[in-house]
C-alpha atoms as a PDB file:
ATOM      1  CA  MET A   1    -170.276  85.185-141.041  1.00  0.00           C
ATOM      2  CA  GLN A   2    -173.628  86.877-141.443  1.00  0.00           C
ATOM      3  CA  ALA A   3    -173.441  90.616-142.075  1.00  0.00           C
ATOM      4  CA  ILE A   4    -175.511  92.817-139.822  1.00  0.00           C
ATOM      5  CA  ASP A   5    -177.785  93.883-142.699  1.00  0.00           C
ATOM      6  CA  ASP A   6    -178.424  90.344-143.986  1.00  0.00           C
ATOM      7  CA  PRO A   7    -181.848  88.784-143.357  1.00  0.00           C
ATOM      8  CA  PRO A   8    -182.050  86.082-140.676  1.00  0.00           C
ATOM      9  CA  ILE A   9    -180.748  82.623-141.508  1.00  0.00           C
ATOM     10  CA  VAL A  10    -183.209  79.712-141.351  1.00  0.00           C
ATOM     11  CA  GLY A  11    -182.622  77.928-138.068  1.00  0.00           C
ATOM     12  CA  GLU A  12    -182.059  81.093-136.064  1.00  0.00           C
ATOM     13  CA  ILE A  13    -184.259  82.178-133.180  1.00  0.00           C
ATOM     14  CA  VAL A  14    -186.559  85.187-133.474  1.00  0.00           C
ATOM     15  CA  ARG A  15    -188.003  86.970-130.468  1.00  0.00           C
ATOM     16  CA  LEU A  16    -191.608  88.162-130.669  1.00  0.00           C
ATOM     17  CA  VAL A  17    -192.440  90.931-128.211  1.00  0.00           C
ATOM     18  CA  SER A  18    -196.057  91.158-127.026  1.00  0.00           C
ATOM     19  CA  ALA A  19    -198.059  94.186-125.897  1.00  0.00           C
ATOM     20  CA  SER A  20    -196.841  93.603-122.318  1.00  0.00           C
ATOM     21  CA  GLU A  21    -193.236  93.636-123.630  1.00  0.00           C
ATOM     22  CA  GLN A  22    -192.807  89.941-122.900  1.00  0.00           C
ATOM     23  CA  ALA A  23    -190.436  88.379-125.462  1.00  0.00           C
ATOM     24  CA  LEU A  24    -191.272  84.875-126.718  1.00  0.00           C
ATOM     25  CA  SER A  25    -188.835  82.903-128.847  1.00  0.00           C
ATOM     26  CA  ILE A  26    -189.580  80.990-132.030  1.00  0.00           C
ATOM     27  CA  HIS A  27    -187.502  79.459-134.834  1.00  0.00           C
ATOM     28  CA  THR A  28    -187.210  81.621-137.939  1.00  0.00           C
ATOM     29  CA  GLU A  29    -188.699  78.973-140.241  1.00  0.00           C
ATOM     30  CA  LEU A  30    -191.780  78.870-138.030  1.00  0.00           C
ATOM     31  CA  ALA A  31    -192.057  82.653-137.955  1.00  0.00           C
ATOM     32  CA  PHE A  32    -191.986  82.563-141.767  1.00  0.00           C
ATOM     33  CA  MET A  33    -195.382  80.815-141.703  1.00  0.00           C
ATOM     34  CA  SER A  34    -196.850  84.266-141.049  1.00  0.00           C
ATOM     35  CA  PRO A  35    -196.487  86.506-144.136  1.00  0.00           C
ATOM     36  CA  VAL A  36    -196.380  89.506-141.805  1.00  0.00           C
ATOM     37  CA  LEU A  37    -193.511  88.154-139.713  1.00  0.00           C
ATOM     38  CA  LYS A  38    -191.726  86.909-142.816  1.00  0.00           C
ATOM     39  CA  SER A  39    -191.868  90.352-144.431  1.00  0.00           C
ATOM     40  CA  ALA A  40    -190.587  92.010-141.276  1.00  0.00           C
ATOM     41  CA  LEU A  41    -187.621  89.635-141.171  1.00  0.00           C
ATOM     42  CA  GLN A  42    -186.754  89.705-144.881  1.00  0.00           C
ATOM     43  CA  LEU A  43    -187.048  93.377-145.737  1.00  0.00           C
ATOM     44  CA  ASN A  44    -183.900  94.442-143.849  1.00  0.00           C
ATOM     45  CA  MET A  45    -186.018  96.316-141.352  1.00  0.00           C
ATOM     46  CA  MET A  46    -184.737  97.031-137.868  1.00  0.00           C
ATOM     47  CA  GLU A  47    -186.453  93.828-136.731  1.00  0.00           C
ATOM     48  CA  SER A  48    -184.391  91.663-139.093  1.00  0.00           C
ATOM     49  CA  LYS A  49    -181.133  93.166-137.895  1.00  0.00           C
ATOM     50  CA  ARG A  50    -181.889  92.300-134.290  1.00  0.00           C
ATOM     51  CA  ASN A  51    -184.046  89.193-134.882  1.00  0.00           C
ATOM     52  CA  ILE A  52    -186.763  90.787-132.798  1.00  0.00           C
ATOM     53  CA  ILE A  53    -190.285  91.817-133.802  1.00  0.00           C
ATOM     54  CA  TYR A  54    -192.515  94.049-131.714  1.00  0.00           C
ATOM     55  CA  LEU A  55    -196.230  93.202-131.746  1.00  0.00           C
ATOM     56  CA  PRO A  56    -197.877  95.857-129.544  1.00  0.00           C
ATOM     57  CA  GLU A  57    -201.358  94.898-130.795  1.00  0.00           C
ATOM     58  CA  ILE A  58    -201.124  91.315-129.481  1.00  0.00           C
ATOM     59  CA  SER A  59    -201.344  90.285-125.832  1.00  0.00           C
ATOM     60  CA  GLU A  60    -198.875  87.820-124.361  1.00  0.00           C
ATOM     61  CA  CYS A  61    -201.571  85.156-123.912  1.00  0.00           C
ATOM     62  CA  ALA A  62    -202.754  85.478-127.518  1.00  0.00           C
ATOM     63  CA  LEU A  63    -199.161  85.433-128.778  1.00  0.00           C
ATOM     64  CA  ARG A  64    -198.504  82.210-126.874  1.00  0.00           C
ATOM     65  CA  GLU A  65    -201.564  80.720-128.567  1.00  0.00           C
ATOM     66  CA  VAL A  66    -200.280  81.835-131.975  1.00  0.00           C
ATOM     67  CA  ILE A  67    -196.932  80.178-131.315  1.00  0.00           C
ATOM     68  CA  ARG A  68    -198.665  77.020-130.110  1.00  0.00           C
ATOM     69  CA  TYR A  69    -200.688  76.976-133.327  1.00  0.00           C
ATOM     70  CA  ILE A  70    -197.622  77.498-135.528  1.00  0.00           C
ATOM     71  CA  LYS A  71    -195.677  74.791-133.726  1.00  0.00           C
ATOM     72  CA  SER A  72    -198.540  72.321-133.970  1.00  0.00           C
ATOM     73  CA  ASP A  73    -199.149  73.197-137.616  1.00  0.00           C
ATOM     74  CA  PHE A  74    -195.579  72.251-138.457  1.00  0.00           C
ATOM     75  CA  ASP A  75    -193.410  70.129-136.160  1.00  0.00           C
ATOM     76  CA  ILE A  76    -189.751  70.696-137.080  1.00  0.00           C
ATOM     77  CA  SER A  77    -188.617  67.391-135.586  1.00  0.00           C
ATOM     78  CA  THR A  78    -191.054  65.242-137.583  1.00  0.00           C
ATOM     79  CA  ASN A  79    -192.071  67.490-140.492  1.00  0.00           C
ATOM     80  CA  MET A  80    -195.657  66.482-139.650  1.00  0.00           C
ATOM     81  CA  LYS A  81    -198.726  68.546-138.894  1.00  0.00           C
ATOM     82  CA  GLN A  82    -200.537  68.107-135.595  1.00  0.00           C
ATOM     83  CA  GLU A  83    -204.072  69.139-134.676  1.00  0.00           C
ATOM     84  CA  TYR A  84    -204.424  72.497-132.927  1.00  0.00           C
ATOM     85  CA  PHE A  85    -207.373  73.351-130.703  1.00  0.00           C
ATOM     86  CA  PRO A  86    -207.724  76.997-129.580  1.00  0.00           C
ATOM     87  CA  ASP A  87    -208.151  77.817-125.911  1.00  0.00           C
ATOM     88  CA  PRO A  88    -211.846  78.875-125.770  1.00  0.00           C
ATOM     89  CA  THR A  89    -211.123  81.547-123.156  1.00  0.00           C
ATOM     90  CA  LEU A  90    -208.619  83.212-125.514  1.00  0.00           C
ATOM     91  CA  SER A  91    -210.283  82.419-128.829  1.00  0.00           C
ATOM     92  CA  ILE A  92    -211.387  85.969-129.684  1.00  0.00           C
ATOM     93  CA  GLU A  93    -207.984  87.475-128.856  1.00  0.00           C
ATOM     94  CA  THR A  94    -206.229  84.681-130.733  1.00  0.00           C
ATOM     95  CA  MET A  95    -208.505  85.133-133.739  1.00  0.00           C
ATOM     96  CA  MET A  96    -207.697  88.833-133.920  1.00  0.00           C
ATOM     97  CA  ALA A  97    -203.975  88.042-133.602  1.00  0.00           C
ATOM     98  CA  GLY A  98    -204.407  85.611-136.490  1.00  0.00           C
ATOM     99  CA  VAL A  99    -206.001  88.359-138.561  1.00  0.00           C
ATOM    100  CA  TYR A 100    -203.116  90.709-137.831  1.00  0.00           C
ATOM    101  CA  LEU A 101    -200.479  88.070-138.657  1.00  0.00           C
ATOM    102  CA  ASP A 102    -202.331  86.851-141.774  1.00  0.00           C
ATOM    103  CA  LEU A 103    -202.879  83.283-140.533  1.00  0.00           C
ATOM    104  CA  PRO A 104    -206.245  82.377-142.129  1.00  0.00           C
ATOM    105  CA  ARG A 105    -206.315  78.766-140.888  1.00  0.00           C
ATOM    106  CA  LEU A 106    -205.837  79.956-137.328  1.00  0.00           C
ATOM    107  CA  VAL A 107    -208.618  82.515-137.799  1.00  0.00           C
ATOM    108  CA  HIS A 108    -210.925  79.797-139.147  1.00  0.00           C
ATOM    109  CA  LYS A 109    -210.201  77.471-136.217  1.00  0.00           C
ATOM    110  CA  CYS A 110    -210.872  80.283-133.760  1.00  0.00           C
ATOM    111  CA  CYS A 111    -214.190  81.135-135.459  1.00  0.00           C
ATOM    112  CA  LEU A 112    -215.308  77.520-135.039  1.00  0.00           C
ATOM    113  CA  CYS A 113    -214.164  77.520-131.415  1.00  0.00           C
ATOM    114  CA  ILE A 114    -216.039  80.749-130.656  1.00  0.00           C
ATOM    115  CA  SER A 115    -219.235  79.402-132.226  1.00  0.00           C
ATOM    116  CA  LYS A 116    -218.938  76.157-130.276  1.00  0.00           C
ATOM    117  CA  ASN A 117    -218.308  77.914-126.961  1.00  0.00           C
ATOM    118  CA  PHE A 118    -220.380  81.018-127.581  1.00  0.00           C
ATOM    119  CA  ASP A 119    -222.473  80.628-124.451  1.00  0.00           C
ATOM    120  CA  ASP A 120    -219.342  81.274-122.379  1.00  0.00           C
ATOM    121  CA  MET A 121    -218.502  84.493-124.212  1.00  0.00           C
ATOM    122  CA  PRO A 122    -219.052  87.764-122.321  1.00  0.00           C
ATOM    123  CA  PRO A 123    -221.786  90.257-123.284  1.00  0.00           C
ATOM    124  CA  LEU A 124    -220.924  92.284-126.383  1.00  0.00           C
ATOM    125  CA  ALA A 125    -218.292  89.655-127.224  1.00  0.00           C
ATOM    126  CA  LEU A 126    -218.449  90.476-130.945  1.00  0.00           C
ATOM    127  CA  GLU A 127    -218.338  94.245-130.511  1.00  0.00           C
ATOM    128  CA  TYR A 128    -214.937  94.736-132.159  1.00  0.00           C
ATOM    129  CA  VAL A 129    -214.830  91.624-134.333  1.00  0.00           C
ATOM    130  CA  PRO A 130    -214.712  92.464-138.081  1.00  0.00           C
ATOM    131  CA  ASP A 131    -218.031  92.011-139.870  1.00  0.00           C
ATOM    132  CA  GLU A 132    -216.845  89.129-142.059  1.00  0.00           C
ATOM    133  CA  LEU A 133    -215.679  87.115-139.045  1.00  0.00           C
ATOM    134  CA  ALA A 134    -218.767  87.944-136.988  1.00  0.00           C
ATOM    135  CA  ARG A 135    -220.902  86.537-139.810  1.00  0.00           C
ATOM    136  CA  LYS A 136    -218.866  83.321-139.861  1.00  0.00           C
ATOM    137  CA  ILE A 137    -219.336  82.951-136.120  1.00  0.00           C
ATOM    138  CA  ILE A 138    -223.084  83.576-136.352  1.00  0.00           C
ATOM    139  CA  THR A 139    -223.506  80.892-139.025  1.00  0.00           C
ATOM    140  CA  GLY A 140    -221.999  78.325-136.642  1.00  0.00           C
ATOM    141  CA  LEU A 141    -224.326  78.990-133.693  1.00  0.00           C
ATOM    142  CA  ASN A 142    -226.977  76.605-132.387  1.00  0.00           C
ATOM    143  CA  PRO A 143    -230.506  77.879-131.529  1.00  0.00           C
ATOM    144  CA  TRP A 144    -229.825  78.864-127.905  1.00  0.00           C
ATOM    145  CA  GLU A 145    -226.525  80.566-128.684  1.00  0.00           C
ATOM    146  CA  LEU A 146    -228.086  82.346-131.643  1.00  0.00           C
ATOM    147  CA  ARG A 147    -230.701  83.752-129.259  1.00  0.00           C
ATOM    148  CA  TYR A 148    -227.935  84.799-126.848  1.00  0.00           C
ATOM    149  CA  ALA A 149    -226.126  86.533-129.716  1.00  0.00           C
ATOM    150  CA  GLU A 150    -229.132  88.565-130.843  1.00  0.00           C
ATOM    151  CA  THR A 151    -229.964  89.461-127.232  1.00  0.00           C
ATOM    152  CA  GLU A 152    -226.704  90.056-125.415  1.00  0.00           C
ATOM    153  CA  ALA A 153    -223.561  89.470-127.474  1.00  0.00           C
ATOM    154  CA  LEU A 154    -224.209  92.211-130.038  1.00  0.00           C
ATOM    155  CA  CYS A 155    -224.723  95.901-129.392  1.00  0.00           C
ATOM    156  CA  ASP A 156    -227.833  97.545-130.872  1.00  0.00           C
ATOM    157  CA  ARG A 157    -225.924  98.877-133.872  1.00  0.00           C
ATOM    158  CA  ARG A 158    -224.515  95.479-134.767  1.00  0.00           C
ATOM    159  CA  LYS A 159    -227.838  93.755-134.157  1.00  0.00           C
ATOM    160  CA  ARG A 160    -229.204  95.938-136.953  1.00  0.00           C
ATOM    161  CA  SER A 161    -226.154  95.256-139.121  1.00  0.00           C
ATOM    162  CA  PHE A 162    -226.431  91.488-138.727  1.00  0.00           C
ATOM    163  CA  GLY A 163    -230.222  91.272-138.683  1.00  0.00           C
ATOM    164  CA  ALA A 164    -230.316  89.657-142.126  1.00  0.00           C
ATOM    165  CA  ASP A 165    -227.587  87.162-141.173  1.00  0.00           C
ATOM    166  CA  ILE A 166    -229.411  86.154-137.990  1.00  0.00           C
ATOM    167  CA  ALA A 167    -232.689  85.766-139.881  1.00  0.00           C
ATOM    168  CA  ALA A 168    -230.925  83.643-142.518  1.00  0.00           C
ATOM    169  CA  LYS A 169    -229.466  81.417-139.811  1.00  0.00           C
ATOM    170  CA  TRP A 170    -232.886  80.852-138.193  1.00  0.00           C
ATOM    171  CA  LYS A 171    -234.313  79.976-141.600  1.00  0.00           C
ATOM    172  CA  ASP A 172    -231.402  77.630-142.273  1.00  0.00           C
ATOM    173  CA  LEU A 173    -232.061  75.857-138.969  1.00  0.00           C
ATOM    174  CA  TYR A 174    -235.713  75.554-139.966  1.00  0.00           C
ATOM    175  CA  LEU A 175    -234.880  74.000-143.331  1.00  0.00           C
ATOM    176  CA  GLN A 176    -232.403  71.575-141.758  1.00  0.00           C
ATOM    177  CA  ASP A 177    -234.980  70.420-139.257  1.00  0.00           C
ATOM    178  CA  LYS A 178    -237.727  70.222-141.862  1.00  0.00           C
ATOM    179  CA  HIS A 179    -235.578  68.082-144.125  1.00  0.00           C
ATOM    180  CA  GLY A 180    -234.781  65.960-141.084  1.00  0.00           C
ATOM    181  CA  GLY A 181    -238.440  64.952-140.927  1.00  0.00           C
ATOM    182  CA  SER A 182    -239.724  66.900-137.909  1.00  0.00           C
ATOM    183  CA  ASP A 183    -242.745  69.213-137.825  1.00  0.00           C
ATOM    184  CA  ALA A 184    -240.569  72.286-137.402  1.00  0.00           C
ATOM    185  CA  GLY A 185    -242.463  75.527-137.247  1.00  0.00           C
ATOM    186  CA  GLY A 186    -245.856  73.954-137.712  1.00  0.00           C
ATOM    187  CA  SER A 187    -247.772  73.828-140.960  1.00  0.00           C
ATOM    188  CA  GLY A 188    -247.568  76.139-143.939  1.00  0.00           C
ATOM    189  CA  ASN A 189    -245.087  76.839-146.667  1.00  0.00           C
ATOM    190  CA  LEU A 190    -242.692  78.827-144.527  1.00  0.00           C
ATOM    191  CA  GLU A 191    -239.861  78.737-147.072  1.00  0.00           C
ATOM    192  CA  ASN A 192    -241.796  81.348-149.050  1.00  0.00           C
ATOM    193  CA  ASP A 193    -242.706  83.430-146.034  1.00  0.00           C
ATOM    194  CA  SER A 194    -240.452  86.433-145.426  1.00  0.00           C
ATOM    195  CA  ASP A 195    -241.118  86.084-141.689  1.00  0.00           C
ATOM    196  CA  ALA A 196    -240.482  82.329-141.637  1.00  0.00           C
ATOM    197  CA  TRP A 197    -237.398  82.774-139.486  1.00  0.00           C
ATOM    198  CA  LYS A 198    -239.504  84.321-136.698  1.00  0.00           C
ATOM    199  CA  THR A 199    -241.821  81.329-136.655  1.00  0.00           C
ATOM    200  CA  GLN A 200    -238.878  78.951-136.680  1.00  0.00           C
ATOM    201  CA  ARG A 201    -237.131  80.868-133.910  1.00  0.00           C
ATOM    202  CA  LYS A 202    -240.255  80.576-131.781  1.00  0.00           C
ATOM    203  CA  TRP A 203    -240.527  76.846-132.466  1.00  0.00           C
ATOM    204  CA  PHE A 204    -236.894  76.079-131.692  1.00  0.00           C
ATOM    205  CA  LEU A 205    -236.788  78.134-128.511  1.00  0.00           C
ATOM    206  CA  GLN A 206    -240.054  76.727-127.169  1.00  0.00           C
ATOM    207  CA  HIS A 207    -238.829  73.163-127.618  1.00  0.00           C
ATOM    208  CA  TYR A 208    -235.408  74.042-126.274  1.00  0.00           C
ATOM    209  CA  LEU A 209    -236.978  75.594-123.180  1.00  0.00           C
ATOM    210  CA  GLU A 210    -239.116  72.531-122.625  1.00  0.00           C
ATOM    211  CA  LYS A 211    -236.027  70.337-122.922  1.00  0.00           C
ATOM    212  CA  ILE A 212    -233.921  72.233-120.371  1.00  0.00           C
ATOM    213  CA  THR A 213    -236.937  72.486-118.043  1.00  0.00           C
ATOM    214  CA  ARG A 214    -237.336  68.722-118.057  1.00  0.00           C
ATOM    215  CA  ALA A 215    -233.633  68.381-117.300  1.00  0.00           C
ATOM    216  CA  ALA A 216    -233.891  70.892-114.439  1.00  0.00           C
ATOM    217  CA  ASN A 217    -236.954  69.106-113.053  1.00  0.00           C
ATOM    218  CA  ASN A 218    -235.200  65.745-113.147  1.00  0.00           C
ATOM    219  CA  LYS A 219    -232.133  67.150-111.460  1.00  0.00           C
ATOM    220  CA  ARG A 220    -234.217  68.837-108.774  1.00  0.00           C
ATOM    221  CA  GLN A 221    -235.857  65.453-108.039  1.00  0.00           C
ATOM    222  CA  PHE A 222    -232.552  63.947-106.988  1.00  0.00           C
ATOM    223  CA  GLU A 223    -230.745  67.048-105.735  1.00  0.00           C
ATOM    224  CA  ALA A 224    -232.913  69.287-103.581  1.00  0.00           C
ATOM    225  CA  CYS A 225    -230.333  72.094-103.557  1.00  0.00           C
ATOM    226  CA  THR A 226    -229.834  72.209-107.323  1.00  0.00           C
ATOM    227  CA  ASN A 227    -228.609  75.625-108.468  1.00  0.00           C
ATOM    228  CA  LEU A 228    -231.029  76.909-111.103  1.00  0.00           C
ATOM    229  CA  GLY A 229    -229.058  80.079-111.828  1.00  0.00           C
ATOM    230  CA  GLU A 230    -228.026  79.059-115.346  1.00  0.00           C
ATOM    231  CA  TYR A 231    -231.511  77.772-116.130  1.00  0.00           C
ATOM    232  CA  LYS A 232    -233.106  81.036-115.009  1.00  0.00           C
ATOM    233  CA  ARG A 233    -230.566  83.033-117.039  1.00  0.00           C
ATOM    234  CA  ARG A 234    -231.664  81.247-120.184  1.00  0.00           C
ATOM    235  CA  VAL A 235    -235.347  81.666-119.328  1.00  0.00           C
ATOM    236  CA  LYS A 236    -234.685  85.399-118.996  1.00  0.00           C
ATOM    237  CA  TYR A 237    -233.519  85.600-122.614  1.00  0.00           C
ATOM    238  CA  ILE A 238    -236.035  83.176-124.098  1.00  0.00           C
ATOM    239  CA  GLY A 239    -239.218  83.769-122.054  1.00  0.00           C
ATOM    240  CA  PRO A 240    -240.049  87.318-123.177  1.00  0.00           C
ATOM    241  CA  LEU A 241    -239.696  86.357-126.831  1.00  0.00           C
ATOM    242  CA  LEU A 242    -242.059  83.413-126.449  1.00  0.00           C
ATOM    243  CA  SER A 243    -244.613  85.476-124.560  1.00  0.00           C
ATOM    244  CA  GLU A 244    -244.828  87.781-127.579  1.00  0.00           C
ATOM    245  CA  TYR A 245    -246.328  84.860-129.450  1.00  0.00           C
ATOM    246  CA  ASN A 246    -248.677  83.898-126.597  1.00  0.00           C
ATOM    247  CA  LEU A 247    -247.173  80.456-126.192  1.00  0.00           C
ATOM    248  CA  ARG A 248    -248.129  78.224-123.313  1.00  0.00           C
ATOM    249  CA  SER A 249    -245.698  78.518-120.438  1.00  0.00           C
ATOM    250  CA  GLU A 250    -246.491  75.410-118.403  1.00  0.00           C
ATOM    251  CA  CYS A 251    -243.008  74.188-119.152  1.00  0.00           C
ATOM    252  CA  LEU A 252    -241.611  77.097-117.129  1.00  0.00           C
ATOM    253  CA  LYS A 253    -243.180  75.954-113.862  1.00  0.00           C
ATOM    254  CA  ILE A 254    -240.626  74.291-111.639  1.00  0.00           C
ATOM    255  CA  ASP A 255    -241.447  75.644-108.216  1.00  0.00           C
ATOM    256  CA  ALA A 256    -242.819  78.731-106.519  1.00  0.00           C
ATOM    257  CA  ASP A 257    -239.540  80.662-106.603  1.00  0.00           C
ATOM    258  CA  THR A 258    -238.982  80.352-110.373  1.00  0.00           C
END
């Protein structure tokens, strides 16, 4: 029989208690995948005696995602790994839970998910994300989402902090497109220009705006009551920046109310 002070036996059930005091059960060997949970269960702490661990920093929804990740990462019945895809609506919370529980692969997957779905993130989404992770997310953004990040998703203080990272990402996009054979950014040796990223940002956003305008025009042709709310939201973020460079705005003309 197991003594009360002995650490949990592999195969037992551990209860993880979220910030809302909801207890979720998980096998001990799965809990051991987190160094934090493993330490709590092996160091003869109060948690190990009761097979219960309190996680007041983690919401119930994020904790469910963590358990889903752990279970998919290692299936007890087959000893095989399965692919885990974070829930985009919970990706920031889940990422922070992964940081707390020392699950770097989960954190990495969440960073990729946030970058991919960044347009759906709320304003100031990266406000409390650690600098290292915010930089990883920024490097995975496409041109429109990068513009959204530098306009809305970062507070003024963090915009200054990540200014160099954002500039480097714009330059990286420029170099990728240049090596792909397009006339990105116009003529000139922009790789040696300290302001090259500004020129590339202008080029990308102008062409992006023209692309979504064509799509909106085509949709309006076939659907008279097309909702242009999302289109106008993007114009709001992109338009003022392009006007600074005195770019032509014919592509913005859809109808009298735009």
